[in-house]
Amino acid sequence: MNKVNALDATRFQKKGISRIFFRINDRMMTYAHFIKLSHTIFSLPFALVALVVGQQYHRRSVSLDIIIGVILCLSCLRASAMIYNRLKDRDIDALNPRTQHRELVSGKITVHEAQTLLVVTTLAYLGFSFYIDLPWPITLIFLFTTWSYSHAKRFTWGSHYWLGLALAGAPLGTWLVVTHTIDAAALVLSMAVMFWVAGFDILYSLQDIEFDAKHGLHSIPTRFGSRNALLISRASHIITIFLLIFFGMLTKLNWLYFMGTFIFATGIAHEHSIVKENDLSRINQAFFTTNGILSVMFFMFSWASVLLFYF
């Protein structure tokens, strides 16, 4: 009888542990979805491009702990900016049918939880910035730029480029940490990221053109119309490709880099082919899937180009 009771107690304990683990895992997944952890894939690969190319171009080497620190620093900054944006926009998100499912609106995450996460991620960003020796003025400028995007769409249709500028800080800051300088190559790569992000954010904002116009939010589609917005997005992405080519020329990268740039350009062209003025049904495919794949692919070719230099 005692053996049976002991067995039942063990089973109950295991179930209790499993239940706790499931709840913790479920909460962590909710937090990850809240800060859009998967969106890190947009800017991080370009930061890694700056890391590997900057080392080769300036003949420097970076230790593994600094590389990890850069990745964590960028991830924390992006998470902090996303949380700030969700807190700032929660009233607007509650009115927009497309965003009513978001965690703060639906109640999956409370305002207090979001504010706590904001403090934690911001302090973590500041800590990692100090560890990787990112200058404090630059650290604070990056924080201001990423947070202020949430306000930009309330007064300027150029908010897409503000977002692009915020994400352009990823390769710029990484280049500075690796090379201890900001030169023409760093600025060209950062500008390429700015125009790339702005271009696909313009496409994404086409979904909210009527809502934004009704609630006084500014965007290129609401200011210039859908057709012109598509043209501006294409122009932004054409500028991106030319800047990436120029970056490769400045840093004297080999044919592998330029092959990666060509594939990147082909992917961008595909993105524009599936988003049409009268058909936005594939906008998420263009925004998330295509851009995520392209950024990772571009990094891989850039890295391969650098590796080939040493062999």
Protein backbone atom coordinates (compact mmCIF):
# COMPACT_ATOMS: atom_id res chain seq x y z
CA MET A 1 0.00 0.00 0.00
CA ASN A 2 2.86 2.34 0.86
CA LYS A 3 4.50 1.54 -2.48
CA VAL A 4 1.27 2.43 -4.30
CA ASN A 5 0.98 5.71 -2.40
CA ALA A 6 4.61 6.52 -3.11
CA LEU A 7 4.08 5.76 -6.81
CA ASP A 8 0.97 7.97 -6.92
CA ALA A 9 2.85 10.77 -5.16
CA THR A 10 5.69 10.51 -7.69
CA ARG A 11 3.27 10.64 -10.59
CA PHE A 12 1.48 13.63 -9.06
CA GLN A 13 4.82 15.38 -8.53
CA LYS A 14 5.84 14.77 -12.16
CA LYS A 15 2.51 16.09 -13.40
CA GLY A 16 2.93 19.16 -11.22
CA ILE A 17 6.44 19.80 -12.56
CA SER A 18 5.23 19.28 -16.15
CA ARG A 19 2.34 21.67 -15.58
CA ILE A 20 4.67 24.33 -14.19
CA PHE A 21 7.12 23.86 -17.05
CA PHE A 22 4.27 24.13 -19.58
CA ARG A 23 3.03 27.36 -18.02
CA ILE A 24 6.50 28.89 -17.99
CA ASN A 25 7.10 27.83 -21.58
CA ASP A 26 3.72 29.18 -22.66
CA ARG A 27 4.46 32.51 -20.94
CA MET A 28 7.87 32.77 -22.55
CA MET A 29 6.33 32.12 -25.96
CA THR A 30 3.77 34.86 -25.28
CA TYR A 31 6.55 37.31 -24.40
CA ALA A 32 8.57 36.30 -27.48
CA HIS A 33 5.54 36.86 -29.71
CA PHE A 34 4.82 40.16 -27.96
CA ILE A 35 8.26 41.60 -28.72
CA LYS A 36 8.23 39.97 -32.18
CA LEU A 37 11.49 38.15 -31.49
CA SER A 38 11.39 36.70 -35.00
CA HIS A 39 11.67 40.22 -36.46
CA THR A 40 15.29 40.33 -35.28
CA ILE A 41 16.05 38.48 -38.48
CA PHE A 42 15.56 41.71 -40.44
CA SER A 43 18.41 43.80 -39.01
CA LEU A 44 20.68 41.23 -37.33
CA PRO A 45 22.06 39.68 -40.57
CA PHE A 46 23.13 43.13 -41.78
CA ALA A 47 24.82 43.76 -38.43
CA LEU A 48 26.68 40.48 -38.96
CA VAL A 49 27.65 41.65 -42.45
CA ALA A 50 29.16 44.75 -40.84
CA LEU A 51 30.93 42.52 -38.33
CA VAL A 52 32.61 40.15 -40.79
CA VAL A 53 33.32 42.71 -43.52
CA GLY A 54 34.48 45.35 -41.06
CA GLN A 55 37.02 42.94 -39.61
CA GLN A 56 38.38 42.02 -43.03
CA TYR A 57 38.35 45.58 -44.40
CA HIS A 58 40.18 47.10 -41.42
CA ARG A 59 42.31 44.01 -40.66
CA ARG A 60 40.93 43.65 -37.15
CA SER A 61 39.80 40.69 -35.12
CA VAL A 62 36.97 40.54 -32.58
CA SER A 63 36.69 38.08 -29.71
CA LEU A 64 33.75 35.72 -29.37
CA ASP A 65 32.43 37.45 -26.26
CA ILE A 66 32.19 40.76 -28.13
CA ILE A 67 30.37 39.08 -31.02
CA ILE A 68 27.86 37.57 -28.60
CA GLY A 69 27.61 40.93 -26.84
CA VAL A 70 26.80 42.70 -30.12
CA ILE A 71 24.05 40.21 -30.92
CA LEU A 72 22.51 40.51 -27.44
CA CYS A 73 22.84 44.30 -27.48
CA LEU A 74 20.98 44.60 -30.79
CA SER A 75 18.33 42.09 -29.72
CA CYS A 76 17.64 43.96 -26.48
CA LEU A 77 17.43 47.33 -28.24
CA ARG A 78 14.99 45.98 -30.81
CA ALA A 79 12.89 44.34 -28.07
CA SER A 80 12.87 47.56 -26.03
CA ALA A 81 11.74 49.59 -29.05
CA MET A 82 9.00 47.09 -29.88
CA ILE A 83 7.65 47.11 -26.33
CA TYR A 84 7.67 50.91 -26.26
CA ASN A 85 5.81 50.92 -29.57
CA ARG A 86 3.17 48.48 -28.30
CA LEU A 87 2.63 50.56 -25.15
CA LYS A 88 2.39 53.78 -27.13
CA ASP A 89 0.03 52.32 -29.74
CA ARG A 90 -2.22 50.17 -27.56
CA ASP A 91 -5.20 52.53 -27.89
CA ILE A 92 -4.83 52.68 -31.67
CA ASP A 93 -4.28 48.92 -31.88
CA ALA A 94 -7.57 48.40 -30.04
CA LEU A 95 -9.42 50.25 -32.81
CA ASN A 96 -7.72 48.57 -35.77
CA PRO A 97 -9.26 45.19 -36.71
CA ARG A 98 -5.86 44.02 -37.96
CA THR A 99 -4.17 44.60 -34.59
CA GLN A 100 -6.92 43.86 -32.08
CA HIS A 101 -5.39 40.44 -31.37
CA ARG A 102 -2.14 41.90 -30.07
CA GLU A 103 -1.19 40.89 -26.55
CA LEU A 104 -1.73 44.23 -24.79
CA VAL A 105 -5.10 44.71 -26.46
CA SER A 106 -6.35 41.18 -25.88
CA GLY A 107 -5.15 41.10 -22.28
CA LYS A 108 -2.63 38.28 -22.73
CA ILE A 109 -0.05 40.70 -21.32
CA THR A 110 -0.85 43.46 -18.84
CA VAL A 111 0.44 47.02 -19.06
CA HIS A 112 2.44 46.43 -15.88
CA GLU A 113 4.11 43.39 -17.41
CA ALA A 114 4.92 45.35 -20.56
CA GLN A 115 6.38 48.21 -18.54
CA THR A 116 8.52 45.76 -16.56
CA LEU A 117 9.77 44.15 -19.77
CA LEU A 118 10.55 47.62 -21.13
CA VAL A 119 12.71 48.45 -18.13
CA VAL A 120 14.47 45.07 -18.22
CA THR A 121 15.25 45.12 -21.96
CA THR A 122 16.36 48.76 -21.88
CA LEU A 123 18.71 48.19 -18.95
CA ALA A 124 20.03 45.06 -20.67
CA TYR A 125 20.68 47.07 -23.83
CA LEU A 126 22.56 49.73 -21.85
CA GLY A 127 24.56 47.04 -20.05
CA PHE A 128 25.56 45.23 -23.23
CA SER A 129 26.39 48.56 -24.90
CA PHE A 130 28.81 49.27 -22.06
CA TYR A 131 30.30 45.76 -22.34
CA ILE A 132 31.01 46.01 -26.08
CA ASP A 133 32.34 49.56 -25.60
CA LEU A 134 29.74 51.33 -27.71
CA PRO A 135 30.17 55.06 -27.00
CA TRP A 136 27.48 56.43 -24.68
CA PRO A 137 26.36 59.24 -27.00
CA ILE A 138 25.82 56.69 -29.79
CA THR A 139 24.09 54.32 -27.36
CA LEU A 140 21.58 57.00 -26.36
CA ILE A 141 21.08 58.21 -29.94
CA PHE A 142 20.18 54.66 -31.01
CA LEU A 143 17.73 54.35 -28.11
CA PHE A 144 16.10 57.69 -28.94
CA THR A 145 15.84 56.86 -32.65
CA THR A 146 14.18 53.49 -32.10
CA TRP A 147 11.74 54.76 -29.47
CA SER A 148 10.82 57.92 -31.34
CA TYR A 149 9.57 55.97 -34.37
CA SER A 150 6.38 55.35 -32.41
CA HIS A 151 5.77 59.10 -32.41
CA ALA A 152 6.90 59.81 -35.99
CA LYS A 153 3.79 58.40 -37.68
CA ARG A 154 1.72 60.89 -35.72
CA PHE A 155 3.25 63.89 -37.48
CA THR A 156 5.12 62.84 -40.66
CA TRP A 157 4.52 60.59 -43.66
CA GLY A 158 8.28 59.97 -43.63
CA SER A 159 7.88 57.62 -40.67
CA HIS A 160 8.88 54.66 -42.87
CA TYR A 161 12.33 56.16 -43.31
CA TRP A 162 12.46 56.90 -39.59
CA LEU A 163 11.96 53.19 -38.98
CA GLY A 164 14.61 52.46 -41.59
CA LEU A 165 16.99 54.86 -39.83
CA ALA A 166 16.34 53.07 -36.54
CA LEU A 167 17.24 49.67 -37.99
CA ALA A 168 20.19 51.15 -39.88
CA GLY A 169 21.81 51.65 -36.49
CA ALA A 170 22.44 47.89 -36.31
CA PRO A 171 25.19 47.71 -38.96
CA LEU A 172 26.46 51.20 -38.11
CA GLY A 173 26.91 50.42 -34.42
CA THR A 174 28.42 47.03 -35.15
CA TRP A 175 30.92 48.54 -37.60
CA LEU A 176 31.88 51.11 -34.96
CA VAL A 177 32.44 48.44 -32.29
CA VAL A 178 34.52 46.29 -34.66
CA THR A 179 36.61 48.98 -36.36
CA HIS A 180 36.45 51.86 -33.83
CA THR A 181 35.55 54.21 -36.65
CA ILE A 182 32.63 55.23 -38.88
CA ASP A 183 33.74 55.53 -42.48
CA ALA A 184 32.11 55.74 -45.90
CA ALA A 185 31.58 51.98 -46.12
CA ALA A 186 29.70 51.92 -42.82
CA LEU A 187 27.47 54.80 -43.86
CA VAL A 188 26.71 53.25 -47.26
CA LEU A 189 25.72 49.89 -45.73
CA SER A 190 23.56 51.63 -43.13
CA MET A 191 21.84 53.73 -45.79
CA ALA A 192 21.14 50.55 -47.77
CA VAL A 193 19.40 49.08 -44.72
CA MET A 194 17.44 52.29 -44.19
CA PHE A 195 16.03 52.32 -47.73
CA TRP A 196 15.42 48.55 -47.67
CA VAL A 197 13.41 48.72 -44.44
CA ALA A 198 11.52 51.84 -45.52
CA GLY A 199 10.64 50.20 -48.83
CA PHE A 200 9.04 47.12 -47.31
CA ASP A 201 7.41 49.12 -44.49
CA ILE A 202 5.66 51.23 -47.14
CA LEU A 203 4.28 48.03 -48.65
CA TYR A 204 3.16 46.78 -45.24
CA SER A 205 1.37 50.06 -44.45
CA LEU A 206 -0.84 49.67 -47.52
CA GLN A 207 -3.01 47.41 -45.36
CA ASP A 208 -3.91 50.32 -43.07
CA ILE A 209 -4.36 53.13 -45.58
CA GLU A 210 -8.06 53.70 -44.76
CA PHE A 211 -7.61 53.27 -41.01
CA ASP A 212 -4.62 55.62 -40.89
CA ALA A 213 -6.42 58.29 -42.89
CA LYS A 214 -9.46 58.07 -40.62
CA HIS A 215 -7.45 58.34 -37.40
CA GLY A 216 -4.95 60.98 -38.48
CA LEU A 217 -1.91 58.72 -38.76
CA HIS A 218 0.67 59.64 -41.37
CA SER A 219 2.15 57.35 -44.00
CA ILE A 220 3.23 57.49 -47.61
CA PRO A 221 0.13 55.56 -48.79
CA THR A 222 -2.23 57.99 -47.01
CA ARG A 223 -0.28 61.01 -48.30
CA PHE A 224 0.34 59.95 -51.92
CA GLY A 225 -2.08 57.07 -52.54
CA SER A 226 -1.49 53.35 -53.06
CA ARG A 227 -0.17 53.54 -56.61
CA ASN A 228 2.42 56.21 -55.82
CA ALA A 229 3.34 54.40 -52.61
CA LEU A 230 4.20 51.30 -54.64
CA LEU A 231 6.40 53.42 -56.90
CA ILE A 232 8.17 55.04 -53.94
CA SER A 233 8.73 51.63 -52.40
CA ARG A 234 10.27 50.35 -55.64
CA ALA A 235 12.47 53.42 -55.90
CA SER A 236 13.65 52.90 -52.32
CA HIS A 237 14.59 49.32 -53.09
CA ILE A 238 16.40 50.27 -56.29
CA ILE A 239 18.46 52.71 -54.22
CA THR A 240 19.12 49.86 -51.78
CA ILE A 241 20.61 47.66 -54.49
CA PHE A 242 22.85 50.43 -55.83
CA LEU A 243 24.07 51.16 -52.30
CA LEU A 244 24.84 47.48 -51.69
CA ILE A 245 26.82 47.35 -54.93
CA PHE A 246 28.68 50.50 -53.90
CA PHE A 247 29.41 48.96 -50.49
CA GLY A 248 30.94 45.91 -52.15
CA MET A 249 33.10 48.12 -54.34
CA LEU A 250 34.25 50.26 -51.41
CA THR A 251 35.26 47.23 -49.34
CA LYS A 252 36.74 45.39 -52.35
CA LEU A 253 34.63 42.29 -51.87
CA ASN A 254 34.80 39.51 -54.46
CA TRP A 255 32.32 37.94 -56.85
CA LEU A 256 30.54 35.93 -54.13
CA TYR A 257 29.31 39.13 -52.51
CA PHE A 258 28.01 40.49 -55.79
CA MET A 259 26.28 37.19 -56.54
CA GLY A 260 24.54 37.50 -53.19
CA THR A 261 23.56 41.07 -54.04
CA PHE A 262 22.10 39.90 -57.37
CA ILE A 263 20.03 37.21 -55.62
CA PHE A 264 18.95 39.79 -53.05
CA ALA A 265 17.81 42.11 -55.86
CA THR A 266 15.94 39.24 -57.55
CA GLY A 267 14.14 38.52 -54.29
CA ILE A 268 13.17 42.16 -53.90
CA ALA A 269 11.78 42.14 -57.44
CA HIS A 270 9.73 39.05 -56.56
CA GLU A 271 8.44 40.84 -53.47
CA HIS A 272 7.11 43.67 -55.59
CA SER A 273 5.59 41.28 -58.12
CA ILE A 274 3.31 39.68 -55.52
CA VAL A 275 2.10 42.94 -53.91
CA LYS A 276 -0.36 44.81 -56.10
CA GLU A 277 -2.50 47.87 -55.57
CA ASN A 278 -5.71 45.84 -55.79
CA ASP A 279 -4.38 42.66 -54.19
CA LEU A 280 -2.66 42.75 -50.79
CA SER A 281 -3.41 39.13 -49.93
CA ARG A 282 0.27 38.15 -50.08
CA ILE A 283 1.64 41.12 -48.16
CA ASN A 284 2.69 38.99 -45.18
CA GLN A 285 4.62 36.66 -47.48
CA ALA A 286 6.44 39.65 -48.95
CA PHE A 287 7.01 41.33 -45.59
CA PHE A 288 8.03 38.42 -43.35
CA THR A 289 9.03 35.39 -45.40
CA THR A 290 10.77 37.02 -48.35
CA ASN A 291 12.65 39.67 -46.38
CA GLY A 292 13.70 37.23 -43.68
CA ILE A 293 15.13 34.79 -46.22
CA LEU A 294 16.82 37.56 -48.20
CA SER A 295 18.60 39.11 -45.22
CA VAL A 296 20.00 35.76 -44.04
CA MET A 297 21.02 34.80 -47.57
CA PHE A 298 22.77 38.14 -48.09
CA PHE A 299 24.79 37.64 -44.90
CA MET A 300 25.80 34.11 -45.93
CA PHE A 301 27.13 35.29 -49.30
CA SER A 302 28.91 38.24 -47.65
CA TRP A 303 30.52 35.92 -45.11
CA ALA A 304 31.53 33.48 -47.85
CA SER A 305 33.09 36.38 -49.74
CA VAL A 306 35.19 37.30 -46.71
CA LEU A 307 36.19 33.69 -46.09
CA LEU A 308 37.31 33.31 -49.71
CA PHE A 309 39.58 36.33 -49.20
CA TYR A 310 41.56 34.40 -46.58
CA PHE A 311 41.86 31.28 -48.74
